[in-house]
Amino acid sequence: MTFVLPSTLRHWVGDASEVKVFAVADHSTTQPTLGGALDTLRRTHPKLEGRLRDDYGRIRRHISMFVCGENARRIGGLDCVLPPGAEVYVLPAIG
C-alpha cells in the first residue's frame, strides 16, 4: 500500500511524495488494516510515523488520513481495512 504525503511531511522520508509499505494482516483470518500499515511504517520510517500517531498510537488530531477517498476516522480509524493496492492520503487536518 502507499502513503501519499503532503510537502510538510516529506522531509522525514528524503523528500519523497509517496512511501510504499507492505501491509500484512494480524491474523490469517483478517485483512490488513491502517493500524497495521502504520506499524510497518514505524519500522521503516520511525520519524514519519511519529508525526502521524500520538504517544497512545492514535492518529494525531491535526492529521487526516483518507483511505481510497474515505476519511479513515469515519470508516473505522486504525481498524479500517485496506484493500490491495490501497492509497492512503495523509493531510494536515483542516479546522
N, C-alpha and C. Protein backbone atom coordinates (compact mmCIF):
# COMPACT_ATOMS: atom_id res chain seq x y z
N MET A 1 0.84 -1.17 0.00
CA MET A 1 0.00 0.00 0.00
C MET A 1 0.88 1.22 0.00
N THR A 2 0.31 2.35 -0.31
CA THR A 2 1.09 3.57 -0.48
C THR A 2 0.53 4.70 0.39
N PHE A 3 1.42 5.34 1.15
CA PHE A 3 1.08 6.57 1.84
C PHE A 3 1.48 7.71 0.92
N VAL A 4 0.54 8.60 0.61
CA VAL A 4 0.81 9.77 -0.21
C VAL A 4 0.91 10.96 0.74
N LEU A 5 2.05 11.64 0.70
CA LEU A 5 2.36 12.63 1.72
C LEU A 5 2.30 14.08 1.22
N PRO A 6 1.88 15.00 2.11
CA PRO A 6 1.94 16.42 1.75
C PRO A 6 3.40 16.89 1.86
N SER A 7 3.69 18.01 1.29
CA SER A 7 5.07 18.52 1.29
C SER A 7 5.61 18.72 2.71
N THR A 8 4.75 19.03 3.65
CA THR A 8 5.20 19.29 5.03
C THR A 8 5.75 18.04 5.73
N LEU A 9 5.44 16.85 5.23
CA LEU A 9 5.92 15.62 5.86
C LEU A 9 7.00 14.91 5.04
N ARG A 10 7.29 15.39 3.88
CA ARG A 10 8.25 14.71 3.00
C ARG A 10 9.68 14.77 3.52
N HIS A 11 9.97 15.77 4.32
CA HIS A 11 11.31 15.90 4.90
C HIS A 11 11.74 14.63 5.62
N TRP A 12 10.80 13.96 6.26
CA TRP A 12 11.10 12.78 7.08
C TRP A 12 11.37 11.53 6.26
N VAL A 13 11.14 11.60 4.95
CA VAL A 13 11.36 10.43 4.08
C VAL A 13 12.20 10.81 2.86
N GLY A 14 13.15 11.70 3.05
CA GLY A 14 14.03 12.08 1.95
C GLY A 14 13.34 12.83 0.83
N ASP A 15 12.33 13.61 1.18
CA ASP A 15 11.56 14.43 0.23
C ASP A 15 10.74 13.62 -0.77
N ALA A 16 10.47 12.37 -0.46
CA ALA A 16 9.62 11.54 -1.33
C ALA A 16 8.15 11.93 -1.14
N SER A 17 7.39 11.91 -2.21
CA SER A 17 5.96 12.24 -2.12
C SER A 17 5.12 11.03 -1.74
N GLU A 18 5.70 9.84 -1.88
CA GLU A 18 4.99 8.61 -1.54
C GLU A 18 5.92 7.66 -0.79
N VAL A 19 5.33 6.87 0.10
CA VAL A 19 6.06 5.82 0.79
C VAL A 19 5.24 4.54 0.65
N LYS A 20 5.86 3.52 0.12
CA LYS A 20 5.17 2.23 -0.03
C LYS A 20 5.59 1.31 1.11
N VAL A 21 4.60 0.64 1.68
CA VAL A 21 4.86 -0.35 2.72
C VAL A 21 4.05 -1.60 2.42
N PHE A 22 4.50 -2.71 2.95
CA PHE A 22 3.80 -3.96 2.78
C PHE A 22 2.86 -4.12 3.95
N ALA A 23 1.57 -4.02 3.71
CA ALA A 23 0.56 -4.15 4.77
C ALA A 23 0.20 -5.61 4.95
N VAL A 24 0.35 -6.10 6.17
CA VAL A 24 0.10 -7.51 6.48
C VAL A 24 -1.00 -7.60 7.53
N ALA A 25 -1.87 -8.58 7.38
CA ALA A 25 -2.94 -8.80 8.36
C ALA A 25 -2.35 -9.36 9.65
N ASP A 26 -3.00 -9.05 10.77
CA ASP A 26 -2.54 -9.55 12.07
C ASP A 26 -2.72 -11.05 12.21
N HIS A 27 -3.78 -11.57 11.63
CA HIS A 27 -4.10 -13.00 11.72
C HIS A 27 -4.46 -13.52 10.34
N SER A 28 -4.42 -14.80 10.17
CA SER A 28 -4.72 -15.39 8.86
C SER A 28 -6.18 -15.18 8.45
N THR A 29 -7.04 -14.85 9.41
CA THR A 29 -8.47 -14.69 9.10
C THR A 29 -8.88 -13.24 8.93
N THR A 30 -7.94 -12.31 9.03
CA THR A 30 -8.28 -10.90 8.92
C THR A 30 -7.58 -10.28 7.70
N GLN A 31 -7.96 -9.05 7.41
CA GLN A 31 -7.36 -8.32 6.31
C GLN A 31 -6.44 -7.25 6.87
N PRO A 32 -5.50 -6.74 6.05
CA PRO A 32 -4.62 -5.66 6.52
C PRO A 32 -5.43 -4.42 6.91
N THR A 33 -4.94 -3.72 7.91
CA THR A 33 -5.62 -2.51 8.39
C THR A 33 -4.68 -1.31 8.33
N LEU A 34 -5.26 -0.13 8.49
CA LEU A 34 -4.47 1.09 8.53
C LEU A 34 -3.49 1.04 9.70
N GLY A 35 -3.95 0.56 10.84
CA GLY A 35 -3.07 0.45 12.01
C GLY A 35 -1.88 -0.46 11.73
N GLY A 36 -2.12 -1.58 11.07
CA GLY A 36 -1.04 -2.49 10.72
C GLY A 36 -0.05 -1.85 9.75
N ALA A 37 -0.57 -1.09 8.81
CA ALA A 37 0.30 -0.40 7.85
C ALA A 37 1.15 0.65 8.57
N LEU A 38 0.56 1.34 9.54
CA LEU A 38 1.33 2.32 10.31
C LEU A 38 2.38 1.64 11.18
N ASP A 39 2.08 0.43 11.67
CA ASP A 39 3.09 -0.34 12.42
C ASP A 39 4.28 -0.66 11.53
N THR A 40 4.01 -1.03 10.29
CA THR A 40 5.09 -1.29 9.34
C THR A 40 5.86 -0.01 9.05
N LEU A 41 5.14 1.09 8.88
CA LEU A 41 5.78 2.38 8.63
C LEU A 41 6.70 2.75 9.79
N ARG A 42 6.30 2.42 11.00
CA ARG A 42 7.12 2.73 12.17
C ARG A 42 8.48 2.02 12.08
N ARG A 43 8.49 0.79 11.55
CA ARG A 43 9.74 0.05 11.41
C ARG A 43 10.62 0.60 10.29
N THR A 44 10.00 1.10 9.21
CA THR A 44 10.78 1.55 8.07
C THR A 44 11.08 3.05 8.10
N HIS A 45 10.17 3.85 8.66
CA HIS A 45 10.33 5.31 8.73
C HIS A 45 9.81 5.80 10.09
N PRO A 46 10.51 5.51 11.17
CA PRO A 46 10.01 5.84 12.50
C PRO A 46 9.78 7.34 12.74
N LYS A 47 10.59 8.20 12.15
CA LYS A 47 10.39 9.64 12.36
C LYS A 47 9.09 10.12 11.72
N LEU A 48 8.76 9.58 10.56
CA LEU A 48 7.49 9.95 9.92
C LEU A 48 6.32 9.42 10.72
N GLU A 49 6.39 8.17 11.10
CA GLU A 49 5.27 7.57 11.84
C GLU A 49 5.02 8.33 13.14
N GLY A 50 6.08 8.83 13.76
CA GLY A 50 5.94 9.61 14.97
C GLY A 50 5.21 10.93 14.76
N ARG A 51 5.19 11.41 13.53
CA ARG A 51 4.46 12.63 13.20
C ARG A 51 2.98 12.34 12.92
N LEU A 52 2.65 11.07 12.69
CA LEU A 52 1.29 10.70 12.32
C LEU A 52 0.48 10.18 13.49
N ARG A 53 1.15 9.53 14.46
CA ARG A 53 0.44 8.96 15.62
C ARG A 53 0.98 9.56 16.91
N ASP A 54 0.09 9.66 17.90
CA ASP A 54 0.48 10.21 19.19
C ASP A 54 1.10 9.12 20.07
N ASP A 55 1.39 9.46 21.31
CA ASP A 55 2.03 8.52 22.24
C ASP A 55 1.15 7.33 22.57
N TYR A 56 -0.15 7.42 22.31
CA TYR A 56 -1.07 6.33 22.57
C TYR A 56 -1.35 5.49 21.33
N GLY A 57 -0.70 5.83 20.22
CA GLY A 57 -0.87 5.07 18.99
C GLY A 57 -2.03 5.52 18.13
N ARG A 58 -2.73 6.58 18.54
CA ARG A 58 -3.86 7.10 17.77
C ARG A 58 -3.37 8.08 16.71
N ILE A 59 -4.17 8.24 15.65
CA ILE A 59 -3.85 9.24 14.63
C ILE A 59 -3.92 10.60 15.30
N ARG A 60 -2.89 11.41 15.09
CA ARG A 60 -2.85 12.74 15.71
C ARG A 60 -4.04 13.58 15.28
N ARG A 61 -4.50 14.44 16.17
CA ARG A 61 -5.68 15.27 15.89
C ARG A 61 -5.50 16.14 14.66
N HIS A 62 -4.30 16.61 14.42
CA HIS A 62 -4.07 17.54 13.32
C HIS A 62 -3.74 16.82 11.99
N ILE A 63 -3.91 15.51 11.97
CA ILE A 63 -3.65 14.72 10.76
C ILE A 63 -4.94 14.04 10.33
N SER A 64 -5.22 14.09 9.04
CA SER A 64 -6.33 13.34 8.46
C SER A 64 -5.74 12.33 7.48
N MET A 65 -6.33 11.15 7.46
CA MET A 65 -5.91 10.12 6.51
C MET A 65 -7.13 9.66 5.73
N PHE A 66 -6.97 9.61 4.43
CA PHE A 66 -8.04 9.19 3.54
C PHE A 66 -7.66 7.89 2.88
N VAL A 67 -8.45 6.86 3.14
CA VAL A 67 -8.21 5.53 2.58
C VAL A 67 -9.15 5.37 1.39
N CYS A 68 -8.57 5.29 0.22
CA CYS A 68 -9.35 5.14 -1.02
C CYS A 68 -10.46 6.19 -1.09
N GLY A 69 -10.14 7.43 -0.71
CA GLY A 69 -11.09 8.54 -0.83
C GLY A 69 -11.99 8.75 0.37
N GLU A 70 -11.95 7.88 1.37
CA GLU A 70 -12.80 8.00 2.55
C GLU A 70 -11.97 8.39 3.76
N ASN A 71 -12.50 9.29 4.58
CA ASN A 71 -11.81 9.69 5.80
C ASN A 71 -11.70 8.47 6.72
N ALA A 72 -10.49 8.11 7.09
CA ALA A 72 -10.26 6.92 7.91
C ALA A 72 -11.01 6.98 9.23
N ARG A 73 -11.16 8.15 9.81
CA ARG A 73 -11.87 8.27 11.09
C ARG A 73 -13.33 7.84 10.96
N ARG A 74 -13.89 7.97 9.79
CA ARG A 74 -15.31 7.63 9.58
C ARG A 74 -15.51 6.17 9.17
N ILE A 75 -14.45 5.48 8.84
CA ILE A 75 -14.60 4.08 8.38
C ILE A 75 -13.81 3.11 9.25
N GLY A 76 -13.64 3.46 10.52
CA GLY A 76 -13.01 2.53 11.44
C GLY A 76 -11.67 2.95 12.00
N GLY A 77 -11.18 4.12 11.61
CA GLY A 77 -9.90 4.58 12.14
C GLY A 77 -8.78 3.62 11.84
N LEU A 78 -8.01 3.29 12.85
CA LEU A 78 -6.88 2.39 12.67
C LEU A 78 -7.31 0.99 12.28
N ASP A 79 -8.57 0.64 12.54
CA ASP A 79 -9.08 -0.70 12.22
C ASP A 79 -9.66 -0.79 10.81
N CYS A 80 -9.67 0.32 10.06
CA CYS A 80 -10.27 0.24 8.72
C CYS A 80 -9.42 -0.67 7.83
N VAL A 81 -10.11 -1.45 7.03
CA VAL A 81 -9.48 -2.45 6.17
C VAL A 81 -8.88 -1.77 4.94
N LEU A 82 -7.68 -2.22 4.58
CA LEU A 82 -7.00 -1.71 3.40
C LEU A 82 -7.13 -2.72 2.26
N PRO A 83 -7.77 -2.34 1.17
CA PRO A 83 -7.84 -3.25 0.03
C PRO A 83 -6.47 -3.35 -0.64
N PRO A 84 -6.24 -4.38 -1.44
CA PRO A 84 -4.96 -4.50 -2.13
C PRO A 84 -4.66 -3.24 -2.95
N GLY A 85 -3.43 -2.76 -2.86
CA GLY A 85 -3.03 -1.57 -3.62
C GLY A 85 -3.58 -0.27 -3.09
N ALA A 86 -4.04 -0.25 -1.85
CA ALA A 86 -4.67 0.95 -1.28
C ALA A 86 -3.70 2.12 -1.26
N GLU A 87 -4.26 3.31 -1.45
CA GLU A 87 -3.54 4.55 -1.29
C GLU A 87 -4.14 5.29 -0.11
N VAL A 88 -3.27 5.71 0.80
CA VAL A 88 -3.71 6.47 1.95
C VAL A 88 -3.12 7.87 1.81
N TYR A 89 -4.00 8.85 1.62
CA TYR A 89 -3.58 10.23 1.52
C TYR A 89 -3.50 10.82 2.92
N VAL A 90 -2.36 11.37 3.26
CA VAL A 90 -2.13 11.97 4.56
C VAL A 90 -2.17 13.48 4.37
N LEU A 91 -3.03 14.14 5.15
CA LEU A 91 -3.20 15.59 5.02
C LEU A 91 -3.26 16.24 6.38
N PRO A 92 -2.77 17.48 6.49
CA PRO A 92 -2.99 18.22 7.72
C PRO A 92 -4.48 18.45 7.87
N ALA A 93 -5.01 18.24 9.06
CA ALA A 93 -6.45 18.43 9.28
C ALA A 93 -6.82 19.90 9.12
N ILE A 94 -7.98 20.12 8.58
CA ILE A 94 -8.49 21.48 8.40
C ILE A 94 -9.46 21.77 9.53
N GLY A 95 -9.23 22.85 10.25
CA GLY A 95 -10.01 23.20 11.43
C GLY A 95 -11.37 23.56 11.19
